[in-house]
């Protein structure tokens, strides 16, 4: 257990340390910090510079365990809407999709506008029968800050 003596860590240093720690959490966990106290209610909106989204079992909604992509996609939309306009260092998106690319395009465009440095996309096609190819938005290729691009499926 780490203990700090009173007066050895300033409020500013403690805040910077907190920001650093929260930045390593997956985005869903960082958002969950809102329940810790009133002070933390919207704290995550200014702490997160790494956005890490993965459509996992957390977003299942019915008793049979059927995955509903809308719940996940609405969560990502809310994070982008509520988050402060800080630059994004890393944006990771692991998602199973069928053919609704408009929201994925929008998220990538927002990340580019927020000066994303690292973009990691894991796009798993779950369309029934027909092939649905995802095309990267043009804004991605005009980015002046993007240094790392990973794409997998």
N, C-alpha and C. Protein backbone atom coordinates (compact mmCIF):
# COMPACT_ATOMS: atom_id res chain seq x y z
N UNK A 1 0.84 -1.18 0.00
CA UNK A 1 0.00 0.00 0.00
C UNK A 1 0.88 1.24 0.00
N UNK A 2 0.55 2.18 -0.84
CA UNK A 2 1.30 3.43 -0.92
C UNK A 2 0.66 4.44 0.02
N UNK A 3 1.49 5.07 0.83
CA UNK A 3 1.00 6.09 1.75
C UNK A 3 1.71 7.41 1.46
N UNK A 4 0.96 8.47 1.52
CA UNK A 4 1.52 9.79 1.32
C UNK A 4 1.43 10.55 2.63
N UNK A 5 2.52 11.24 2.96
CA UNK A 5 2.48 12.08 4.15
C UNK A 5 1.79 13.38 3.78
N UNK A 6 1.07 13.92 4.72
CA UNK A 6 0.38 15.19 4.48
C UNK A 6 1.40 16.25 4.07
N UNK A 7 1.08 16.98 3.06
CA UNK A 7 1.93 18.07 2.63
C UNK A 7 3.00 17.68 1.63
N UNK A 8 3.21 16.40 1.39
CA UNK A 8 4.26 16.00 0.45
C UNK A 8 3.78 16.02 -0.99
N UNK A 9 2.49 15.89 -1.20
CA UNK A 9 1.93 15.89 -2.55
C UNK A 9 0.93 17.03 -2.66
N UNK A 10 1.17 17.92 -3.62
CA UNK A 10 0.24 19.03 -3.79
C UNK A 10 -1.04 18.54 -4.46
N UNK A 11 -2.07 19.36 -4.38
CA UNK A 11 -3.34 19.02 -5.03
C UNK A 11 -3.14 18.84 -6.53
N UNK A 12 -2.32 19.70 -7.12
CA UNK A 12 -2.05 19.63 -8.55
C UNK A 12 -1.34 18.32 -8.92
N UNK A 13 -0.37 17.92 -8.10
CA UNK A 13 0.35 16.67 -8.35
C UNK A 13 -0.57 15.47 -8.21
N UNK A 14 -1.43 15.51 -7.20
CA UNK A 14 -2.37 14.41 -6.99
C UNK A 14 -3.33 14.30 -8.17
N UNK A 15 -3.79 15.44 -8.66
CA UNK A 15 -4.70 15.46 -9.81
C UNK A 15 -4.00 14.92 -11.06
N UNK A 16 -2.75 15.30 -11.27
CA UNK A 16 -1.99 14.81 -12.42
C UNK A 16 -1.78 13.30 -12.34
N UNK A 17 -1.50 12.81 -11.14
CA UNK A 17 -1.32 11.37 -10.94
C UNK A 17 -2.63 10.63 -11.21
N UNK A 18 -3.72 11.15 -10.71
CA UNK A 18 -5.03 10.57 -10.94
C UNK A 18 -5.35 10.51 -12.43
N UNK A 19 -5.11 11.59 -13.12
CA UNK A 19 -5.35 11.66 -14.56
C UNK A 19 -4.52 10.60 -15.28
N UNK A 20 -3.29 10.45 -14.89
CA UNK A 20 -2.40 9.47 -15.51
C UNK A 20 -2.91 8.04 -15.29
N UNK A 21 -3.33 7.74 -14.09
CA UNK A 21 -3.83 6.40 -13.77
C UNK A 21 -5.10 6.10 -14.56
N UNK A 22 -6.05 7.01 -14.55
CA UNK A 22 -7.33 6.80 -15.23
C UNK A 22 -7.13 6.67 -16.74
N UNK A 23 -6.10 7.31 -17.28
CA UNK A 23 -5.86 7.24 -18.73
C UNK A 23 -5.52 5.83 -19.20
N UNK A 24 -5.10 4.96 -18.30
CA UNK A 24 -4.76 3.58 -18.67
C UNK A 24 -5.96 2.64 -18.60
N UNK A 25 -7.06 3.09 -18.03
CA UNK A 25 -8.24 2.24 -17.91
C UNK A 25 -8.98 2.14 -19.24
N UNK A 26 -9.60 0.99 -19.50
CA UNK A 26 -10.52 0.95 -20.64
C UNK A 26 -11.61 2.01 -20.42
N UNK A 27 -12.11 2.58 -21.47
CA UNK A 27 -13.04 3.70 -21.35
C UNK A 27 -14.26 3.36 -20.51
N UNK A 28 -14.79 2.13 -20.65
CA UNK A 28 -15.97 1.77 -19.85
C UNK A 28 -15.67 1.83 -18.36
N UNK A 29 -14.47 1.45 -17.97
CA UNK A 29 -14.10 1.51 -16.55
C UNK A 29 -13.89 2.94 -16.10
N UNK A 30 -13.26 3.74 -16.94
CA UNK A 30 -13.03 5.14 -16.59
C UNK A 30 -14.35 5.87 -16.36
N UNK A 31 -15.34 5.58 -17.20
CA UNK A 31 -16.65 6.21 -17.04
C UNK A 31 -17.29 5.74 -15.74
N UNK A 32 -17.05 4.51 -15.35
CA UNK A 32 -17.63 3.98 -14.11
C UNK A 32 -17.10 4.68 -12.86
N UNK A 33 -16.00 5.40 -12.95
CA UNK A 33 -15.48 6.11 -11.78
C UNK A 33 -16.44 7.18 -11.30
N UNK A 34 -17.45 7.51 -12.09
CA UNK A 34 -18.42 8.53 -11.70
C UNK A 34 -19.16 8.17 -10.42
N UNK A 35 -19.23 6.89 -10.09
CA UNK A 35 -19.97 6.48 -8.90
C UNK A 35 -19.14 6.61 -7.62
N UNK A 36 -17.87 6.94 -7.72
CA UNK A 36 -17.01 6.98 -6.54
C UNK A 36 -17.37 8.10 -5.58
N UNK A 37 -17.70 9.25 -6.11
CA UNK A 37 -18.08 10.38 -5.26
C UNK A 37 -18.68 11.48 -6.13
N UNK A 38 -19.26 12.48 -5.49
CA UNK A 38 -19.81 13.61 -6.24
C UNK A 38 -18.72 14.33 -7.02
N UNK A 39 -17.54 14.41 -6.44
CA UNK A 39 -16.42 15.08 -7.10
C UNK A 39 -16.04 14.38 -8.40
N UNK A 40 -16.28 13.09 -8.47
CA UNK A 40 -15.90 12.30 -9.64
C UNK A 40 -17.01 12.24 -10.69
N UNK A 41 -18.15 12.84 -10.43
CA UNK A 41 -19.31 12.67 -11.29
C UNK A 41 -19.00 12.79 -12.78
N UNK A 42 -18.40 13.86 -13.20
CA UNK A 42 -18.05 14.02 -14.61
C UNK A 42 -16.55 14.19 -14.81
N UNK A 43 -15.80 13.74 -13.84
CA UNK A 43 -14.35 13.90 -13.88
C UNK A 43 -13.72 13.21 -15.09
N UNK A 44 -14.25 12.07 -15.46
CA UNK A 44 -13.69 11.30 -16.56
C UNK A 44 -13.67 12.08 -17.87
N UNK A 45 -14.59 13.05 -18.01
CA UNK A 45 -14.68 13.78 -19.28
C UNK A 45 -13.43 14.60 -19.56
N UNK A 46 -12.69 14.95 -18.51
CA UNK A 46 -11.47 15.73 -18.71
C UNK A 46 -10.21 14.93 -18.41
N UNK A 47 -10.36 13.66 -18.05
CA UNK A 47 -9.19 12.85 -17.71
C UNK A 47 -8.76 11.92 -18.84
N UNK A 48 -9.66 11.53 -19.68
CA UNK A 48 -9.37 10.48 -20.65
C UNK A 48 -8.78 11.07 -21.93
N UNK A 49 -7.56 10.67 -22.24
CA UNK A 49 -6.95 11.03 -23.53
C UNK A 49 -6.76 9.79 -24.39
N UNK A 50 -6.91 8.62 -23.79
CA UNK A 50 -6.87 7.35 -24.52
C UNK A 50 -8.28 6.78 -24.52
N UNK A 51 -8.88 6.65 -25.67
CA UNK A 51 -10.22 6.07 -25.77
C UNK A 51 -10.09 4.63 -26.24
N UNK A 52 -10.59 3.72 -25.42
CA UNK A 52 -10.45 2.29 -25.69
C UNK A 52 -11.84 1.66 -25.61
N UNK A 53 -12.39 1.31 -26.76
CA UNK A 53 -13.73 0.74 -26.83
C UNK A 53 -13.69 -0.67 -27.40
N UNK A 54 -14.33 -1.59 -26.71
CA UNK A 54 -14.46 -2.95 -27.23
C UNK A 54 -15.87 -3.43 -26.95
N UNK A 55 -16.58 -3.84 -27.99
CA UNK A 55 -17.94 -4.33 -27.80
C UNK A 55 -17.85 -5.74 -27.20
N UNK A 56 -18.04 -5.78 -25.92
CA UNK A 56 -17.87 -7.05 -25.20
C UNK A 56 -19.17 -7.46 -24.53
N UNK A 57 -19.10 -8.44 -23.68
CA UNK A 57 -20.27 -8.98 -23.00
C UNK A 57 -20.95 -7.95 -22.09
N UNK A 58 -20.26 -6.88 -21.76
CA UNK A 58 -20.87 -5.84 -20.92
C UNK A 58 -22.11 -5.25 -21.56
N UNK A 59 -22.18 -5.33 -22.88
CA UNK A 59 -23.25 -4.67 -23.60
C UNK A 59 -24.37 -5.61 -24.01
N UNK A 60 -24.37 -6.83 -23.47
CA UNK A 60 -25.49 -7.74 -23.70
C UNK A 60 -26.69 -7.20 -22.94
N UNK A 61 -27.87 -7.39 -23.49
CA UNK A 61 -29.02 -6.81 -22.82
C UNK A 61 -30.15 -7.78 -22.51
N UNK A 62 -30.18 -8.94 -23.13
CA UNK A 62 -31.30 -9.82 -22.83
C UNK A 62 -30.85 -11.11 -22.13
N UNK A 63 -31.83 -11.84 -21.64
CA UNK A 63 -31.57 -13.03 -20.84
C UNK A 63 -30.83 -14.12 -21.63
N UNK A 64 -31.03 -14.16 -22.92
CA UNK A 64 -30.39 -15.18 -23.75
C UNK A 64 -28.94 -14.83 -24.10
N UNK A 65 -28.49 -13.67 -23.70
CA UNK A 65 -27.13 -13.27 -23.98
C UNK A 65 -26.93 -12.72 -25.38
N UNK A 66 -28.02 -12.34 -26.03
CA UNK A 66 -27.90 -11.77 -27.38
C UNK A 66 -27.26 -10.39 -27.29
N UNK A 67 -26.30 -10.18 -28.15
CA UNK A 67 -25.59 -8.90 -28.19
C UNK A 67 -26.40 -7.89 -28.99
N UNK A 68 -26.52 -6.72 -28.46
CA UNK A 68 -27.23 -5.65 -29.15
C UNK A 68 -26.24 -4.53 -29.41
N UNK A 69 -25.82 -4.39 -30.65
CA UNK A 69 -24.79 -3.43 -31.00
C UNK A 69 -25.22 -1.99 -30.72
N UNK A 70 -26.52 -1.71 -30.76
CA UNK A 70 -26.97 -0.35 -30.50
C UNK A 70 -26.56 0.14 -29.12
N UNK A 71 -26.61 -0.72 -28.14
CA UNK A 71 -26.24 -0.32 -26.79
C UNK A 71 -24.78 0.12 -26.75
N UNK A 72 -23.92 -0.66 -27.37
CA UNK A 72 -22.50 -0.31 -27.43
C UNK A 72 -22.29 0.98 -28.22
N UNK A 73 -22.93 1.07 -29.37
CA UNK A 73 -22.75 2.25 -30.22
C UNK A 73 -23.28 3.51 -29.54
N UNK A 74 -24.37 3.40 -28.82
CA UNK A 74 -24.90 4.55 -28.07
C UNK A 74 -23.93 4.98 -26.98
N UNK A 75 -23.29 4.00 -26.33
CA UNK A 75 -22.29 4.31 -25.31
C UNK A 75 -21.14 5.11 -25.91
N UNK A 76 -20.61 4.66 -27.04
CA UNK A 76 -19.51 5.36 -27.70
C UNK A 76 -19.95 6.77 -28.10
N UNK A 77 -21.14 6.90 -28.66
CA UNK A 77 -21.68 8.22 -29.01
C UNK A 77 -21.70 9.14 -27.79
N UNK A 78 -22.21 8.63 -26.66
CA UNK A 78 -22.30 9.44 -25.43
C UNK A 78 -20.92 9.88 -24.95
N UNK A 79 -19.96 8.98 -25.00
CA UNK A 79 -18.61 9.34 -24.56
C UNK A 79 -18.06 10.48 -25.41
N UNK A 80 -18.19 10.37 -26.72
CA UNK A 80 -17.70 11.44 -27.60
C UNK A 80 -18.47 12.74 -27.36
N UNK A 81 -19.76 12.65 -27.08
CA UNK A 81 -20.58 13.83 -26.86
C UNK A 81 -20.23 14.51 -25.53
N UNK A 82 -20.06 13.73 -24.47
CA UNK A 82 -19.83 14.28 -23.14
C UNK A 82 -18.38 14.65 -22.85
N UNK A 83 -17.48 14.02 -23.55
CA UNK A 83 -16.06 14.21 -23.30
C UNK A 83 -15.63 15.63 -23.67
N UNK A 84 -14.73 16.19 -22.86
CA UNK A 84 -14.17 17.51 -23.18
C UNK A 84 -13.43 17.45 -24.51
N UNK A 85 -13.15 18.59 -25.07
CA UNK A 85 -12.52 18.63 -26.40
C UNK A 85 -11.00 18.52 -26.34
N UNK A 86 -10.50 17.75 -25.39
CA UNK A 86 -9.07 17.50 -25.30
C UNK A 86 -8.61 16.67 -26.50
N UNK A 87 -7.32 16.79 -26.81
CA UNK A 87 -6.77 15.94 -27.86
C UNK A 87 -6.86 14.48 -27.45
N UNK A 88 -6.91 13.61 -28.43
CA UNK A 88 -6.96 12.17 -28.19
C UNK A 88 -5.60 11.59 -28.57
N UNK A 89 -4.94 10.96 -27.59
CA UNK A 89 -3.66 10.34 -27.89
C UNK A 89 -3.87 9.03 -28.64
N UNK A 90 -4.75 8.20 -28.10
CA UNK A 90 -4.98 6.88 -28.71
C UNK A 90 -6.48 6.61 -28.78
N UNK A 91 -6.91 6.10 -29.92
CA UNK A 91 -8.30 5.69 -30.10
C UNK A 91 -8.28 4.24 -30.57
N UNK A 92 -8.81 3.36 -29.73
CA UNK A 92 -8.89 1.94 -30.07
C UNK A 92 -10.36 1.56 -30.15
N UNK A 93 -10.74 0.93 -31.26
CA UNK A 93 -12.11 0.50 -31.46
C UNK A 93 -12.11 -0.94 -31.94
N UNK A 94 -12.67 -1.83 -31.12
CA UNK A 94 -12.84 -3.24 -31.50
C UNK A 94 -14.34 -3.47 -31.54
N UNK A 95 -14.87 -3.70 -32.73
CA UNK A 95 -16.32 -3.76 -32.88
C UNK A 95 -16.71 -4.80 -33.93
N UNK A 96 -17.81 -5.47 -33.65
CA UNK A 96 -18.43 -6.35 -34.63
C UNK A 96 -19.51 -5.52 -35.33
N UNK A 97 -19.47 -5.47 -36.63
CA UNK A 97 -20.41 -4.63 -37.36
C UNK A 97 -21.08 -5.42 -38.47
N UNK A 98 -22.19 -4.91 -38.94
CA UNK A 98 -22.84 -5.53 -40.09
C UNK A 98 -22.66 -4.63 -41.31
N UNK A 99 -23.34 -3.52 -41.32
CA UNK A 99 -23.17 -2.62 -42.46
C UNK A 99 -23.44 -1.16 -42.12
N UNK A 100 -23.57 -0.84 -40.84
CA UNK A 100 -23.81 0.54 -40.42
C UNK A 100 -22.47 1.21 -40.14
N UNK A 101 -21.93 1.83 -41.18
CA UNK A 101 -20.61 2.42 -41.05
C UNK A 101 -20.64 3.90 -40.66
N UNK A 102 -21.79 4.53 -40.72
CA UNK A 102 -21.85 5.98 -40.53
C UNK A 102 -21.33 6.40 -39.16
N UNK A 103 -21.65 5.65 -38.13
CA UNK A 103 -21.19 6.02 -36.79
C UNK A 103 -19.69 5.76 -36.64
N UNK A 104 -19.21 4.66 -37.21
CA UNK A 104 -17.77 4.38 -37.15
C UNK A 104 -17.01 5.48 -37.88
N UNK A 105 -17.50 5.89 -39.04
CA UNK A 105 -16.90 7.01 -39.79
C UNK A 105 -16.86 8.26 -38.92
N UNK A 106 -17.97 8.56 -38.27
CA UNK A 106 -18.05 9.77 -37.44
C UNK A 106 -17.04 9.73 -36.30
N UNK A 107 -16.91 8.58 -35.64
CA UNK A 107 -15.95 8.47 -34.53
C UNK A 107 -14.52 8.67 -35.02
N UNK A 108 -14.19 8.09 -36.15
CA UNK A 108 -12.84 8.26 -36.71
C UNK A 108 -12.60 9.72 -37.06
N UNK A 109 -13.59 10.37 -37.66
CA UNK A 109 -13.47 11.79 -38.02
C UNK A 109 -13.27 12.66 -36.78
N UNK A 110 -14.02 12.37 -35.72
CA UNK A 110 -13.86 13.13 -34.47
C UNK A 110 -12.46 12.93 -33.92
N UNK A 111 -11.98 11.69 -33.92
CA UNK A 111 -10.63 11.40 -33.42
C UNK A 111 -9.59 12.18 -34.23
N UNK A 112 -9.75 12.23 -35.54
CA UNK A 112 -8.82 12.98 -36.39
C UNK A 112 -8.88 14.47 -36.06
N UNK A 113 -10.09 15.00 -35.87
CA UNK A 113 -10.25 16.42 -35.51
C UNK A 113 -9.61 16.72 -34.16
N UNK A 114 -9.56 15.71 -33.28
CA UNK A 114 -8.97 15.88 -31.94
C UNK A 114 -7.50 15.45 -31.92
N UNK A 115 -6.88 15.45 -33.09
CA UNK A 115 -5.43 15.23 -33.22
C UNK A 115 -4.96 13.87 -32.72
N UNK A 116 -5.70 12.83 -33.06
CA UNK A 116 -5.33 11.48 -32.65
C UNK A 116 -3.92 11.15 -33.16
N UNK A 117 -3.14 10.50 -32.30
CA UNK A 117 -1.78 10.10 -32.64
C UNK A 117 -1.73 8.62 -33.03
N UNK A 118 -2.51 7.82 -32.32
CA UNK A 118 -2.53 6.37 -32.57
C UNK A 118 -3.96 5.90 -32.76
N UNK A 119 -4.21 5.21 -33.86
CA UNK A 119 -5.55 4.70 -34.18
C UNK A 119 -5.45 3.19 -34.38
N UNK A 120 -6.24 2.45 -33.61
CA UNK A 120 -6.22 0.99 -33.65
C UNK A 120 -7.64 0.51 -33.90
N UNK A 121 -7.90 -0.03 -35.08
CA UNK A 121 -9.24 -0.47 -35.46
C UNK A 121 -9.26 -1.98 -35.64
N UNK A 122 -10.17 -2.64 -34.93
CA UNK A 122 -10.40 -4.07 -35.10
C UNK A 122 -11.87 -4.20 -35.49
N UNK A 123 -12.12 -4.33 -36.78
CA UNK A 123 -13.48 -4.34 -37.31
C UNK A 123 -13.83 -5.75 -37.76
N UNK A 124 -14.73 -6.39 -37.03
CA UNK A 124 -15.13 -7.76 -37.34
C UNK A 124 -16.48 -7.75 -38.05
N UNK A 125 -16.51 -8.25 -39.27
CA UNK A 125 -17.72 -8.28 -40.09
C UNK A 125 -18.62 -9.43 -39.65
N UNK A 126 -19.85 -9.11 -39.26
CA UNK A 126 -20.82 -10.14 -38.87
C UNK A 126 -22.06 -10.09 -39.74
N UNK A 127 -21.92 -9.54 -40.93
CA UNK A 127 -23.08 -9.44 -41.82
C UNK A 127 -23.53 -10.82 -42.26
N UNK A 128 -24.81 -10.96 -42.49
CA UNK A 128 -25.38 -12.24 -42.93
C UNK A 128 -25.23 -12.39 -44.43
N UNK A 129 -24.31 -13.23 -44.83
CA UNK A 129 -24.17 -13.53 -46.25
C UNK A 129 -23.37 -12.51 -47.03
N UNK A 130 -23.93 -11.34 -47.21
CA UNK A 130 -23.29 -10.33 -48.05
C UNK A 130 -22.04 -9.75 -47.41
N UNK A 131 -21.08 -9.47 -48.24
CA UNK A 131 -19.85 -8.84 -47.77
C UNK A 131 -20.09 -7.34 -47.63
N UNK A 132 -19.66 -6.78 -46.54
CA UNK A 132 -19.78 -5.35 -46.33
C UNK A 132 -18.38 -4.81 -46.07
N UNK A 133 -17.81 -4.12 -47.03
CA UNK A 133 -16.45 -3.60 -46.89
C UNK A 133 -16.49 -2.20 -46.30
N UNK A 134 -15.65 -2.00 -45.30
CA UNK A 134 -15.55 -0.69 -44.67
C UNK A 134 -14.47 0.11 -45.37
N UNK A 135 -14.80 1.35 -45.74
CA UNK A 135 -13.82 2.25 -46.34
C UNK A 135 -13.49 3.34 -45.35
N UNK A 136 -12.21 3.57 -45.16
CA UNK A 136 -11.76 4.60 -44.23
C UNK A 136 -12.22 5.97 -44.72
N UNK A 137 -12.64 6.84 -43.79
CA UNK A 137 -13.02 8.19 -44.19
C UNK A 137 -11.81 8.97 -44.72
N UNK A 138 -12.03 9.83 -45.68
CA UNK A 138 -10.95 10.59 -46.31
C UNK A 138 -10.18 11.46 -45.31
N UNK A 139 -10.87 11.94 -44.27
CA UNK A 139 -10.20 12.80 -43.29
C UNK A 139 -9.03 12.10 -42.62
N UNK A 140 -9.10 10.78 -42.53
CA UNK A 140 -8.02 10.02 -41.91
C UNK A 140 -6.70 10.22 -42.66
N UNK A 141 -6.77 10.29 -43.97
CA UNK A 141 -5.57 10.40 -44.78
C UNK A 141 -5.02 11.83 -44.82
N UNK A 142 -5.77 12.77 -44.28
CA UNK A 142 -5.32 14.16 -44.23
C UNK A 142 -4.79 14.54 -42.85
N UNK A 143 -4.81 13.59 -41.92
CA UNK A 143 -4.37 13.86 -40.56
C UNK A 143 -2.90 14.24 -40.51
N UNK A 144 -2.60 15.29 -39.76
CA UNK A 144 -1.22 15.73 -39.60
C UNK A 144 -0.59 15.14 -38.34
N UNK A 145 -1.40 14.54 -37.47
CA UNK A 145 -0.88 14.04 -36.20
C UNK A 145 -0.81 12.52 -36.12
N UNK A 146 -1.53 11.82 -36.97
CA UNK A 146 -1.58 10.36 -36.90
C UNK A 146 -0.20 9.77 -37.18
N UNK A 147 0.34 9.03 -36.21
CA UNK A 147 1.66 8.41 -36.36
C UNK A 147 1.56 6.89 -36.47
N UNK A 148 0.53 6.31 -35.84
CA UNK A 148 0.38 4.85 -35.83
C UNK A 148 -1.05 4.51 -36.25
N UNK A 149 -1.16 3.64 -37.25
CA UNK A 149 -2.47 3.15 -37.70
C UNK A 149 -2.41 1.63 -37.75
N UNK A 150 -3.28 0.98 -36.97
CA UNK A 150 -3.40 -0.48 -37.00
C UNK A 150 -4.83 -0.81 -37.41
N UNK A 151 -4.96 -1.70 -38.39
CA UNK A 151 -6.28 -2.13 -38.83
C UNK A 151 -6.26 -3.65 -38.90
N UNK A 152 -7.25 -4.27 -38.26
CA UNK A 152 -7.38 -5.73 -38.32
C UNK A 152 -8.85 -6.09 -38.40
N UNK A 153 -9.10 -7.33 -38.77
CA UNK A 153 -10.48 -7.79 -38.85
C UNK A 153 -10.56 -9.24 -38.43
